[in-house]
Protein backbone atom coordinates (compact mmCIF):
# COMPACT_ATOMS: atom_id res chain seq x y z
CA UNK A 1 0.00 0.00 0.00
CA UNK A 2 3.08 2.22 0.04
CA UNK A 3 2.43 2.90 -3.64
CA UNK A 4 -0.97 4.41 -2.79
CA UNK A 5 0.61 6.73 -0.23
CA UNK A 6 3.27 7.73 -2.76
CA UNK A 7 0.61 8.47 -5.36
CA UNK A 8 -1.35 10.63 -2.91
CA UNK A 9 1.82 12.56 -2.09
CA UNK A 10 2.45 12.99 -5.82
CA UNK A 11 -1.02 14.48 -6.30
CA UNK A 12 -0.33 16.80 -3.39
CA UNK A 13 2.91 17.92 -5.04
CA UNK A 14 1.05 18.44 -8.31
CA UNK A 15 -1.51 20.66 -6.57
CA UNK A 16 1.34 22.70 -5.07
CA UNK A 17 3.21 23.00 -8.40
CA UNK A 18 6.15 21.07 -6.88
CA UNK A 19 6.03 18.06 -9.20
CA UNK A 20 8.70 17.72 -11.84
CA UNK A 21 7.79 15.99 -15.09
CA UNK A 22 10.76 14.45 -16.87
CA UNK A 23 9.86 13.31 -20.38
CA UNK A 24 12.02 10.71 -22.08
CA UNK A 25 11.56 8.84 -25.34
CA UNK A 26 9.90 5.48 -24.62
CA UNK A 27 7.56 2.95 -26.17
CA UNK A 28 4.11 3.65 -24.67
CA UNK A 29 2.95 0.08 -25.28
CA UNK A 30 5.83 -1.22 -23.15
CA UNK A 31 4.89 1.14 -20.30
CA UNK A 32 1.30 -0.15 -20.40
CA UNK A 33 2.48 -3.77 -20.43
CA UNK A 34 4.70 -3.02 -17.45
CA UNK A 35 1.71 -1.62 -15.54
CA UNK A 36 -0.29 -4.80 -16.14
CA UNK A 37 2.70 -7.02 -15.26
CA UNK A 38 2.96 -5.35 -11.84
CA UNK A 39 -0.25 -7.16 -10.90
CA UNK A 40 0.68 -10.67 -12.08
CA UNK A 41 0.75 -12.12 -8.55
CA UNK A 42 -2.61 -10.62 -7.58
CA UNK A 43 -4.19 -11.76 -10.83
CA UNK A 44 -2.90 -15.30 -10.40
CA UNK A 45 -4.03 -15.47 -6.77
CA UNK A 46 -7.56 -14.55 -7.83
CA UNK A 47 -7.43 -16.77 -10.93
CA UNK A 48 -7.89 -13.75 -13.19
CA UNK A 49 -6.33 -12.91 -16.52
CA UNK A 50 -5.76 -9.52 -18.13
CA UNK A 51 -5.25 -9.29 -21.86
CA UNK A 52 -3.42 -6.22 -23.08
CA UNK A 53 -4.29 -4.90 -26.53
CA UNK A 54 -3.00 -1.63 -27.91
CA UNK A 55 -5.40 0.61 -29.76
CA UNK A 56 -5.23 0.14 -33.56
CA UNK A 57 -4.62 3.86 -34.03
CA UNK A 58 -1.09 3.41 -32.64
CA UNK A 59 -0.30 1.13 -35.57
CA UNK A 60 -2.28 3.18 -38.09
CA UNK A 61 -0.43 6.35 -37.08
CA UNK A 62 2.85 4.42 -36.82
CA UNK A 63 3.38 5.55 -33.24
CA UNK A 64 6.04 3.42 -31.64
CA UNK A 65 7.93 5.96 -29.53
CA UNK A 66 6.71 8.95 -27.50
CA UNK A 67 8.25 11.55 -25.23
CA UNK A 68 6.61 11.14 -21.82
CA UNK A 69 7.44 10.66 -18.17
CA UNK A 70 7.21 6.86 -17.75
CA UNK A 71 6.93 6.96 -13.95
CA UNK A 72 3.97 9.36 -14.11
CA UNK A 73 2.27 7.34 -16.85
CA UNK A 74 2.72 4.19 -14.76
CA UNK A 75 1.06 5.94 -11.82
CA UNK A 76 -1.91 6.85 -13.99
CA UNK A 77 -2.25 3.34 -15.41
CA UNK A 78 -1.73 1.52 -12.11
CA UNK A 79 -4.28 3.46 -10.03
CA UNK A 80 -7.38 1.80 -11.55
CA UNK A 81 -5.74 -1.62 -11.21
CA UNK A 82 -4.91 -0.94 -7.55
CA UNK A 83 -8.55 -0.14 -6.85
CA UNK A 84 -9.53 -3.57 -8.16
CA UNK A 85 -7.22 -5.34 -5.70
CA UNK A 86 -7.83 -3.27 -2.57
CA UNK A 87 -9.50 -5.50 0.01
CA UNK A 88 -12.89 -4.35 1.22
CA UNK A 89 -12.59 -4.64 4.99
PDB file of N, CA and C in Angstrom:
ATOM      1  N   UNK A   1       0.800  -1.193   0.000  1.00  0.00           N
ATOM      2  CA  UNK A   1       0.000   0.000   0.000  1.00  0.00           C
ATOM      3  C   UNK A   1       0.856   1.276   0.000  1.00  0.00           C
ATOM      4  N   UNK A   2       2.182   1.075   0.083  1.00  0.00           N
ATOM      5  CA  UNK A   2       3.085   2.225   0.039  1.00  0.00           C
ATOM      6  C   UNK A   2       2.908   2.986  -1.263  1.00  0.00           C
ATOM      7  N   UNK A   3       2.619   2.262  -2.338  1.00  0.00           N
ATOM      8  CA  UNK A   3       2.433   2.905  -3.643  1.00  0.00           C
ATOM      9  C   UNK A   3       1.257   3.876  -3.612  1.00  0.00           C
ATOM     10  N   UNK A   4       0.192   3.523  -2.891  1.00  0.00           N
ATOM     11  CA  UNK A   4      -0.971   4.407  -2.794  1.00  0.00           C
ATOM     12  C   UNK A   4      -0.583   5.698  -2.072  1.00  0.00           C
ATOM     13  N   UNK A   5       0.165   5.547  -0.981  1.00  0.00           N
ATOM     14  CA  UNK A   5       0.608   6.731  -0.230  1.00  0.00           C
ATOM     15  C   UNK A   5       1.488   7.602  -1.119  1.00  0.00           C
ATOM     16  N   UNK A   6       2.402   6.976  -1.855  1.00  0.00           N
ATOM     17  CA  UNK A   6       3.275   7.733  -2.762  1.00  0.00           C
ATOM     18  C   UNK A   6       2.467   8.481  -3.814  1.00  0.00           C
ATOM     19  N   UNK A   7       1.446   7.827  -4.349  1.00  0.00           N
ATOM     20  CA  UNK A   7       0.608   8.474  -5.363  1.00  0.00           C
ATOM     21  C   UNK A   7      -0.158   9.661  -4.784  1.00  0.00           C
ATOM     22  N   UNK A   8      -0.644   9.521  -3.557  1.00  0.00           N
ATOM     23  CA  UNK A   8      -1.351  10.631  -2.911  1.00  0.00           C
ATOM     24  C   UNK A   8      -0.397  11.803  -2.698  1.00  0.00           C
ATOM     25  N   UNK A   9       0.827  11.501  -2.270  1.00  0.00           N
ATOM     26  CA  UNK A   9       1.815  12.559  -2.095  1.00  0.00           C
ATOM     27  C   UNK A   9       2.159  13.227  -3.426  1.00  0.00           C
ATOM     28  N   UNK A  10       2.183  12.442  -4.493  1.00  0.00           N
ATOM     29  CA  UNK A  10       2.455  12.988  -5.818  1.00  0.00           C
ATOM     30  C   UNK A  10       1.352  13.960  -6.232  1.00  0.00           C
ATOM     31  N   UNK A  11       0.100  13.593  -5.981  1.00  0.00           N
ATOM     32  CA  UNK A  11      -1.019  14.480  -6.305  1.00  0.00           C
ATOM     33  C   UNK A  11      -0.905  15.760  -5.488  1.00  0.00           C
ATOM     34  N   UNK A  12      -0.509  15.630  -4.236  1.00  0.00           N
ATOM     35  CA  UNK A  12      -0.329  16.803  -3.385  1.00  0.00           C
ATOM     36  C   UNK A  12       0.748  17.721  -3.956  1.00  0.00           C
ATOM     37  N   UNK A  13       1.849  17.133  -4.421  1.00  0.00           N
ATOM     38  CA  UNK A  13       2.913  17.923  -5.045  1.00  0.00           C
ATOM     39  C   UNK A  13       2.413  18.601  -6.312  1.00  0.00           C
ATOM     40  N   UNK A  14       1.601  17.889  -7.072  1.00  0.00           N
ATOM     41  CA  UNK A  14       1.053  18.444  -8.308  1.00  0.00           C
ATOM     42  C   UNK A  14       0.187  19.660  -7.995  1.00  0.00           C
ATOM     43  N   UNK A  15      -0.649  19.541  -6.977  1.00  0.00           N
ATOM     44  CA  UNK A  15      -1.509  20.663  -6.567  1.00  0.00           C
ATOM     45  C   UNK A  15      -0.692  21.863  -6.119  1.00  0.00           C
ATOM     46  N   UNK A  16       0.490  21.618  -5.579  1.00  0.00           N
ATOM     47  CA  UNK A  16       1.342  22.701  -5.074  1.00  0.00           C
ATOM     48  C   UNK A  16       2.364  23.168  -6.109  1.00  0.00           C
ATOM     49  N   UNK A  17       2.249  22.678  -7.326  1.00  0.00           N
ATOM     50  CA  UNK A  17       3.205  23.002  -8.395  1.00  0.00           C
ATOM     51  C   UNK A  17       4.640  22.630  -8.024  1.00  0.00           C
ATOM     52  N   UNK A  18       4.826  21.533  -7.282  1.00  0.00           N
ATOM     53  CA  UNK A  18       6.153  21.072  -6.883  1.00  0.00           C
ATOM     54  C   UNK A  18       6.579  19.806  -7.629  1.00  0.00           C
ATOM     55  N   UNK A  19       5.752  19.320  -8.506  1.00  0.00           N
ATOM     56  CA  UNK A  19       6.026  18.063  -9.202  1.00  0.00           C
ATOM     57  C   UNK A  19       6.808  18.327 -10.479  1.00  0.00           C
ATOM     58  N   UNK A  20       7.900  17.603 -10.629  1.00  0.00           N
ATOM     59  CA  UNK A  20       8.700  17.719 -11.838  1.00  0.00           C
ATOM     60  C   UNK A  20       8.318  16.600 -12.805  1.00  0.00           C
ATOM     61  N   UNK A  21       8.063  16.957 -14.031  1.00  0.00           N
ATOM     62  CA  UNK A  21       7.787  15.990 -15.091  1.00  0.00           C
ATOM     63  C   UNK A  21       9.051  15.889 -15.933  1.00  0.00           C
ATOM     64  N   UNK A  22       9.527  14.663 -16.129  1.00  0.00           N
ATOM     65  CA  UNK A  22      10.761  14.448 -16.873  1.00  0.00           C
ATOM     66  C   UNK A  22      10.480  13.548 -18.068  1.00  0.00           C
ATOM     67  N   UNK A  23      10.154  14.141 -19.212  1.00  0.00           N
ATOM     68  CA  UNK A  23       9.861  13.312 -20.379  1.00  0.00           C
ATOM     69  C   UNK A  23      11.115  12.684 -20.975  1.00  0.00           C
ATOM     70  N   UNK A  24      10.981  11.429 -21.353  1.00  0.00           N
ATOM     71  CA  UNK A  24      12.017  10.709 -22.077  1.00  0.00           C
ATOM     72  C   UNK A  24      11.341   9.966 -23.227  1.00  0.00           C
ATOM     73  N   UNK A  25      12.114   9.562 -24.198  1.00  0.00           N
ATOM     74  CA  UNK A  25      11.561   8.842 -25.335  1.00  0.00           C
ATOM     75  C   UNK A  25      11.427   7.361 -24.971  1.00  0.00           C
ATOM     76  N   UNK A  26      10.188   6.869 -24.982  1.00  0.00           N
ATOM     77  CA  UNK A  26       9.899   5.478 -24.615  1.00  0.00           C
ATOM     78  C   UNK A  26       8.820   4.919 -25.538  1.00  0.00           C
ATOM     79  N   UNK A  27       8.644   3.605 -25.449  1.00  0.00           N
ATOM     80  CA  UNK A  27       7.557   2.946 -26.169  1.00  0.00           C
ATOM     81  C   UNK A  27       6.344   2.903 -25.241  1.00  0.00           C
ATOM     82  N   UNK A  28       5.269   3.612 -25.567  1.00  0.00           N
ATOM     83  CA  UNK A  28       4.110   3.653 -24.669  1.00  0.00           C
ATOM     84  C   UNK A  28       3.484   2.279 -24.437  1.00  0.00           C
ATOM     85  N   UNK A  29       3.527   1.422 -25.432  1.00  0.00           N
ATOM     86  CA  UNK A  29       2.955   0.078 -25.284  1.00  0.00           C
ATOM     87  C   UNK A  29       3.722  -0.693 -24.206  1.00  0.00           C
ATOM     88  N   UNK A  30       5.028  -0.518 -24.151  1.00  0.00           N
ATOM     89  CA  UNK A  30       5.831  -1.216 -23.147  1.00  0.00           C
ATOM     90  C   UNK A  30       5.522  -0.706 -21.744  1.00  0.00           C
ATOM     91  N   UNK A  31       5.260   0.571 -21.608  1.00  0.00           N
ATOM     92  CA  UNK A  31       4.887   1.137 -20.302  1.00  0.00           C
ATOM     93  C   UNK A  31       3.558   0.538 -19.846  1.00  0.00           C
ATOM     94  N   UNK A  32       2.606   0.431 -20.747  1.00  0.00           N
ATOM     95  CA  UNK A  32       1.302  -0.147 -20.401  1.00  0.00           C
ATOM     96  C   UNK A  32       1.442  -1.618 -20.026  1.00  0.00           C
ATOM     97  N   UNK A  33       2.257  -2.356 -20.763  1.00  0.00           N
ATOM     98  CA  UNK A  33       2.478  -3.771 -20.435  1.00  0.00           C
ATOM     99  C   UNK A  33       3.131  -3.913 -19.067  1.00  0.00           C
ATOM    100  N   UNK A  34       4.042  -3.008 -18.753  1.00  0.00           N
ATOM    101  CA  UNK A  34       4.702  -3.021 -17.448  1.00  0.00           C
ATOM    102  C   UNK A  34       3.689  -2.791 -16.329  1.00  0.00           C
ATOM    103  N   UNK A  35       2.739  -1.896 -16.546  1.00  0.00           N
ATOM    104  CA  UNK A  35       1.708  -1.624 -15.535  1.00  0.00           C
ATOM    105  C   UNK A  35       0.880  -2.867 -15.261  1.00  0.00           C
ATOM    106  N   UNK A  36       0.502  -3.578 -16.310  1.00  0.00           N
ATOM    107  CA  UNK A  36      -0.290  -4.804 -16.138  1.00  0.00           C
ATOM    108  C   UNK A  36       0.546  -5.873 -15.448  1.00  0.00           C
ATOM    109  N   UNK A  37       1.814  -5.987 -15.826  1.00  0.00           N
ATOM    110  CA  UNK A  37       2.696  -7.016 -15.259  1.00  0.00           C
ATOM    111  C   UNK A  37       2.890  -6.834 -13.757  1.00  0.00           C
ATOM    112  N   UNK A  38       2.791  -5.607 -13.271  1.00  0.00           N
ATOM    113  CA  UNK A  38       2.958  -5.346 -11.843  1.00  0.00           C
ATOM    114  C   UNK A  38       1.920  -6.099 -11.007  1.00  0.00           C
ATOM    115  N   UNK A  39       0.834  -6.509 -11.630  1.00  0.00           N
ATOM    116  CA  UNK A  39      -0.249  -7.163 -10.903  1.00  0.00           C
ATOM    117  C   UNK A  39      -0.351  -8.656 -11.194  1.00  0.00           C
ATOM    118  N   UNK A  40       0.701  -9.236 -11.768  1.00  0.00           N
ATOM    119  CA  UNK A  40       0.684 -10.671 -12.077  1.00  0.00           C
ATOM    120  C   UNK A  40       0.337 -11.534 -10.868  1.00  0.00           C
ATOM    121  N   UNK A  41       0.981 -11.284  -9.745  1.00  0.00           N
ATOM    122  CA  UNK A  41       0.750 -12.115  -8.552  1.00  0.00           C
ATOM    123  C   UNK A  41      -0.698 -12.017  -8.074  1.00  0.00           C
ATOM    124  N   UNK A  42      -1.233 -10.795  -8.022  1.00  0.00           N
ATOM    125  CA  UNK A  42      -2.613 -10.617  -7.577  1.00  0.00           C
ATOM    126  C   UNK A  42      -3.593 -11.285  -8.547  1.00  0.00           C
ATOM    127  N   UNK A  43      -3.321 -11.143  -9.828  1.00  0.00           N
ATOM    128  CA  UNK A  43      -4.189 -11.762 -10.835  1.00  0.00           C
ATOM    129  C   UNK A  43      -4.183 -13.280 -10.695  1.00  0.00           C
ATOM    130  N   UNK A  44      -2.996 -13.849 -10.531  1.00  0.00           N
ATOM    131  CA  UNK A  44      -2.895 -15.304 -10.396  1.00  0.00           C
ATOM    132  C   UNK A  44      -3.578 -15.790  -9.130  1.00  0.00           C
ATOM    133  N   UNK A  45      -3.423 -15.052  -8.030  1.00  0.00           N
ATOM    134  CA  UNK A  45      -4.027 -15.475  -6.767  1.00  0.00           C
ATOM    135  C   UNK A  45      -5.551 -15.463  -6.828  1.00  0.00           C
ATOM    136  N   UNK A  46      -6.113 -14.630  -7.690  1.00  0.00           N
ATOM    137  CA  UNK A  46      -7.563 -14.546  -7.832  1.00  0.00           C
ATOM    138  C   UNK A  46      -8.051 -15.284  -9.082  1.00  0.00           C
ATOM    139  N   UNK A  47      -7.132 -16.013  -9.717  1.00  0.00           N
ATOM    140  CA  UNK A  47      -7.429 -16.774 -10.925  1.00  0.00           C
ATOM    141  C   UNK A  47      -8.049 -15.882 -12.007  1.00  0.00           C
ATOM    142  N   UNK A  48      -7.441 -14.698 -12.180  1.00  0.00           N
ATOM    143  CA  UNK A  48      -7.892 -13.747 -13.189  1.00  0.00           C
ATOM    144  C   UNK A  48      -6.825 -13.608 -14.264  1.00  0.00           C
ATOM    145  N   UNK A  49      -7.251 -13.132 -15.416  1.00  0.00           N
ATOM    146  CA  UNK A  49      -6.329 -12.907 -16.521  1.00  0.00           C
ATOM    147  C   UNK A  49      -6.629 -11.557 -17.151  1.00  0.00           C
ATOM    148  N   UNK A  50      -5.607 -10.798 -17.433  1.00  0.00           N
ATOM    149  CA  UNK A  50      -5.764  -9.522 -18.129  1.00  0.00           C
ATOM    150  C   UNK A  50      -5.087  -9.663 -19.485  1.00  0.00           C
ATOM    151  N   UNK A  51      -5.798  -9.259 -20.508  1.00  0.00           N
ATOM    152  CA  UNK A  51      -5.246  -9.285 -21.856  1.00  0.00           C
ATOM    153  C   UNK A  51      -5.000  -7.851 -22.280  1.00  0.00           C
ATOM    154  N   UNK A  52      -3.763  -7.561 -22.645  1.00  0.00           N
ATOM    155  CA  UNK A  52      -3.418  -6.218 -23.082  1.00  0.00           C
ATOM    156  C   UNK A  52      -3.491  -6.142 -24.606  1.00  0.00           C
ATOM    157  N   UNK A  53      -4.219  -5.161 -25.096  1.00  0.00           N
ATOM    158  CA  UNK A  53      -4.290  -4.903 -26.533  1.00  0.00           C
ATOM    159  C   UNK A  53      -4.123  -3.408 -26.753  1.00  0.00           C
ATOM    160  N   UNK A  54      -3.174  -3.054 -27.611  1.00  0.00           N
ATOM    161  CA  UNK A  54      -2.999  -1.635 -27.908  1.00  0.00           C
ATOM    162  C   UNK A  54      -4.059  -1.196 -28.914  1.00  0.00           C
ATOM    163  N   UNK A  55      -4.392   0.068 -28.864  1.00  0.00           N
ATOM    164  CA  UNK A  55      -5.403   0.614 -29.764  1.00  0.00           C
ATOM    165  C   UNK A  55      -4.865   0.596 -31.195  1.00  0.00           C
ATOM    166  N   UNK A  56      -5.691   0.201 -32.166  1.00  0.00           N
ATOM    167  CA  UNK A  56      -5.231   0.135 -33.560  1.00  0.00           C
ATOM    168  C   UNK A  56      -4.670   1.451 -34.094  1.00  0.00           C
ATOM    169  N   UNK A  57      -5.097   2.568 -33.526  1.00  0.00           N
ATOM    170  CA  UNK A  57      -4.616   3.859 -34.025  1.00  0.00           C
ATOM    171  C   UNK A  57      -3.099   4.012 -33.836  1.00  0.00           C
ATOM    172  N   UNK A  58      -2.541   3.349 -32.816  1.00  0.00           N
ATOM    173  CA  UNK A  58      -1.088   3.414 -32.642  1.00  0.00           C
ATOM    174  C   UNK A  58      -0.374   2.838 -33.863  1.00  0.00           C
ATOM    175  N   UNK A  59      -0.895   1.739 -34.381  1.00  0.00           N
ATOM    176  CA  UNK A  59      -0.297   1.128 -35.573  1.00  0.00           C
ATOM    177  C   UNK A  59      -0.625   1.942 -36.822  1.00  0.00           C
ATOM    178  N   UNK A  60      -1.865   2.396 -36.915  1.00  0.00           N
ATOM    179  CA  UNK A  60      -2.277   3.178 -38.090  1.00  0.00           C
ATOM    180  C   UNK A  60      -1.460   4.463 -38.209  1.00  0.00           C
ATOM    181  N   UNK A  61      -1.198   5.103 -37.075  1.00  0.00           N
ATOM    182  CA  UNK A  61      -0.433   6.345 -37.079  1.00  0.00           C
ATOM    183  C   UNK A  61       1.075   6.102 -36.980  1.00  0.00           C
ATOM    184  N   UNK A  62       1.441   4.820 -36.923  1.00  0.00           N
ATOM    185  CA  UNK A  62       2.853   4.420 -36.823  1.00  0.00           C
ATOM    186  C   UNK A  62       3.538   5.053 -35.614  1.00  0.00           C
ATOM    187  N   UNK A  63       2.823   5.017 -34.490  1.00  0.00           N
ATOM    188  CA  UNK A  63       3.379   5.547 -33.242  1.00  0.00           C
ATOM    189  C   UNK A  63       4.016   4.393 -32.484  1.00  0.00           C
ATOM    190  N   UNK A  64       5.333   4.438 -32.400  1.00  0.00           N
ATOM    191  CA  UNK A  64       6.044   3.418 -31.643  1.00  0.00           C
ATOM    192  C   UNK A  64       6.741   4.034 -30.430  1.00  0.00           C
ATOM    193  N   UNK A  65       7.220   5.254 -30.593  1.00  0.00           N
ATOM    194  CA  UNK A  65       7.925   5.959 -29.534  1.00  0.00           C
ATOM    195  C   UNK A  65       7.223   7.277 -29.212  1.00  0.00           C
ATOM    196  N   UNK A  66       7.280   7.675 -27.934  1.00  0.00           N
ATOM    197  CA  UNK A  66       6.713   8.950 -27.498  1.00  0.00           C
ATOM    198  C   UNK A  66       7.616   9.557 -26.431  1.00  0.00           C
ATOM    199  N   UNK A  67       7.564  10.859 -26.325  1.00  0.00           N
ATOM    200  CA  UNK A  67       8.251  11.546 -25.229  1.00  0.00           C
ATOM    201  C   UNK A  67       7.246  11.732 -24.099  1.00  0.00           C
ATOM    202  N   UNK A  68       7.492  11.045 -22.982  1.00  0.00           N
ATOM    203  CA  UNK A  68       6.613  11.140 -21.821  1.00  0.00           C
ATOM    204  C   UNK A  68       7.400  10.762 -20.580  1.00  0.00           C
ATOM    205  N   UNK A  69       6.813  11.022 -19.430  1.00  0.00           N
ATOM    206  CA  UNK A  69       7.442  10.656 -18.166  1.00  0.00           C
ATOM    207  C   UNK A  69       6.916   9.269 -17.780  1.00  0.00           C
ATOM    208  N   UNK A  70       7.712   8.224 -17.971  1.00  0.00           N
ATOM    209  CA  UNK A  70       7.211   6.865 -17.747  1.00  0.00           C
ATOM    210  C   UNK A  70       6.726   6.608 -16.324  1.00  0.00           C
ATOM    211  N   UNK A  71       7.374   7.203 -15.330  1.00  0.00           N
ATOM    212  CA  UNK A  71       6.926   6.960 -13.951  1.00  0.00           C
ATOM    213  C   UNK A  71       5.550   7.567 -13.706  1.00  0.00           C
ATOM    214  N   UNK A  72       5.277   8.727 -14.286  1.00  0.00           N
ATOM    215  CA  UNK A  72       3.965   9.358 -14.113  1.00  0.00           C
ATOM    216  C   UNK A  72       2.893   8.585 -14.887  1.00  0.00           C
ATOM    217  N   UNK A  73       3.232   8.124 -16.074  1.00  0.00           N
ATOM    218  CA  UNK A  73       2.265   7.337 -16.854  1.00  0.00           C
ATOM    219  C   UNK A  73       1.949   6.039 -16.119  1.00  0.00           C
ATOM    220  N   UNK A  74       2.961   5.409 -15.541  1.00  0.00           N
ATOM    221  CA  UNK A  74       2.721   4.191 -14.760  1.00  0.00           C
ATOM    222  C   UNK A  74       1.775   4.469 -13.598  1.00  0.00           C
ATOM    223  N   UNK A  75       1.958   5.593 -12.925  1.00  0.00           N
ATOM    224  CA  UNK A  75       1.064   5.936 -11.816  1.00  0.00           C
ATOM    225  C   UNK A  75      -0.377   6.049 -12.304  1.00  0.00           C
ATOM    226  N   UNK A  76      -0.561   6.672 -13.445  1.00  0.00           N
ATOM    227  CA  UNK A  76      -1.911   6.850 -13.989  1.00  0.00           C
ATOM    228  C   UNK A  76      -2.520   5.507 -14.371  1.00  0.00           C
ATOM    229  N   UNK A  77      -1.729   4.642 -14.973  1.00  0.00           N
ATOM    230  CA  UNK A  77      -2.245   3.341 -15.412  1.00  0.00           C
ATOM    231  C   UNK A  77      -2.476   2.384 -14.256  1.00  0.00           C
ATOM    232  N   UNK A  78      -1.658   2.467 -13.219  1.00  0.00           N
ATOM    233  CA  UNK A  78      -1.730   1.518 -12.113  1.00  0.00           C
ATOM    234  C   UNK A  78      -2.864   1.835 -11.150  1.00  0.00           C
ATOM    235  N   UNK A  79      -3.239   3.102 -10.997  1.00  0.00           N
ATOM    236  CA  UNK A  79      -4.280   3.462 -10.027  1.00  0.00           C
ATOM    237  C   UNK A  79      -5.579   2.677 -10.208  1.00  0.00           C
ATOM    238  N   UNK A  80      -6.141   2.586 -11.412  1.00  0.00           N
ATOM    239  CA  UNK A  80      -7.378   1.800 -11.548  1.00  0.00           C
ATOM    240  C   UNK A  80      -7.170   0.318 -11.218  1.00  0.00           C
ATOM    241  N   UNK A  81      -6.008  -0.225 -11.540  1.00  0.00           N
ATOM    242  CA  UNK A  81      -5.738  -1.623 -11.214  1.00  0.00           C
ATOM    243  C   UNK A  81      -5.616  -1.811  -9.712  1.00  0.00           C
ATOM    244  N   UNK A  82      -5.036  -0.834  -9.007  1.00  0.00           N
ATOM    245  CA  UNK A  82      -4.914  -0.935  -7.554  1.00  0.00           C
ATOM    246  C   UNK A  82      -6.284  -0.956  -6.904  1.00  0.00           C
ATOM    247  N   UNK A  83      -7.187  -0.195  -7.413  1.00  0.00           N
ATOM    248  CA  UNK A  83      -8.546  -0.139  -6.850  1.00  0.00           C
ATOM    249  C   UNK A  83      -9.191  -1.528  -6.912  1.00  0.00           C
ATOM    250  N   UNK A  84      -8.949  -2.238  -7.991  1.00  0.00           N
ATOM    251  CA  UNK A  84      -9.530  -3.574  -8.155  1.00  0.00           C
ATOM    252  C   UNK A  84      -9.068  -4.519  -7.046  1.00  0.00           C
ATOM    253  N   UNK A  85      -7.797  -4.377  -6.630  1.00  0.00           N
ATOM    254  CA  UNK A  85      -7.216  -5.336  -5.698  1.00  0.00           C
ATOM    255  C   UNK A  85      -7.213  -4.881  -4.248  1.00  0.00           C
ATOM    256  N   UNK A  86      -7.748  -3.710  -3.954  1.00  0.00           N
ATOM    257  CA  UNK A  86      -7.832  -3.270  -2.566  1.00  0.00           C
ATOM    258  C   UNK A  86      -8.912  -4.095  -1.872  1.00  0.00           C
ATOM    259  N   UNK A  87      -8.540  -4.686  -0.745  1.00  0.00           N
ATOM    260  CA  UNK A  87      -9.501  -5.502   0.011  1.00  0.00           C
ATOM    261  C   UNK A  87     -10.562  -4.609   0.639  1.00  0.00           C
ATOM    262  N   UNK A  88     -11.792  -5.048   0.537  1.00  0.00           N
ATOM    263  CA  UNK A  88     -12.895  -4.351   1.222  1.00  0.00           C
ATOM    264  C   UNK A  88     -12.992  -4.917   2.631  1.00  0.00           C
ATOM    265  N   UNK A  89     -12.578  -4.140   3.590  1.00  0.00           N
ATOM    266  CA  UNK A  89     -12.588  -4.642   4.986  1.00  0.00           C
ATOM    267  C   UNK A  89     -13.591  -3.908   5.797  1.00  0.00           C
TER     268      UNK A  89
END
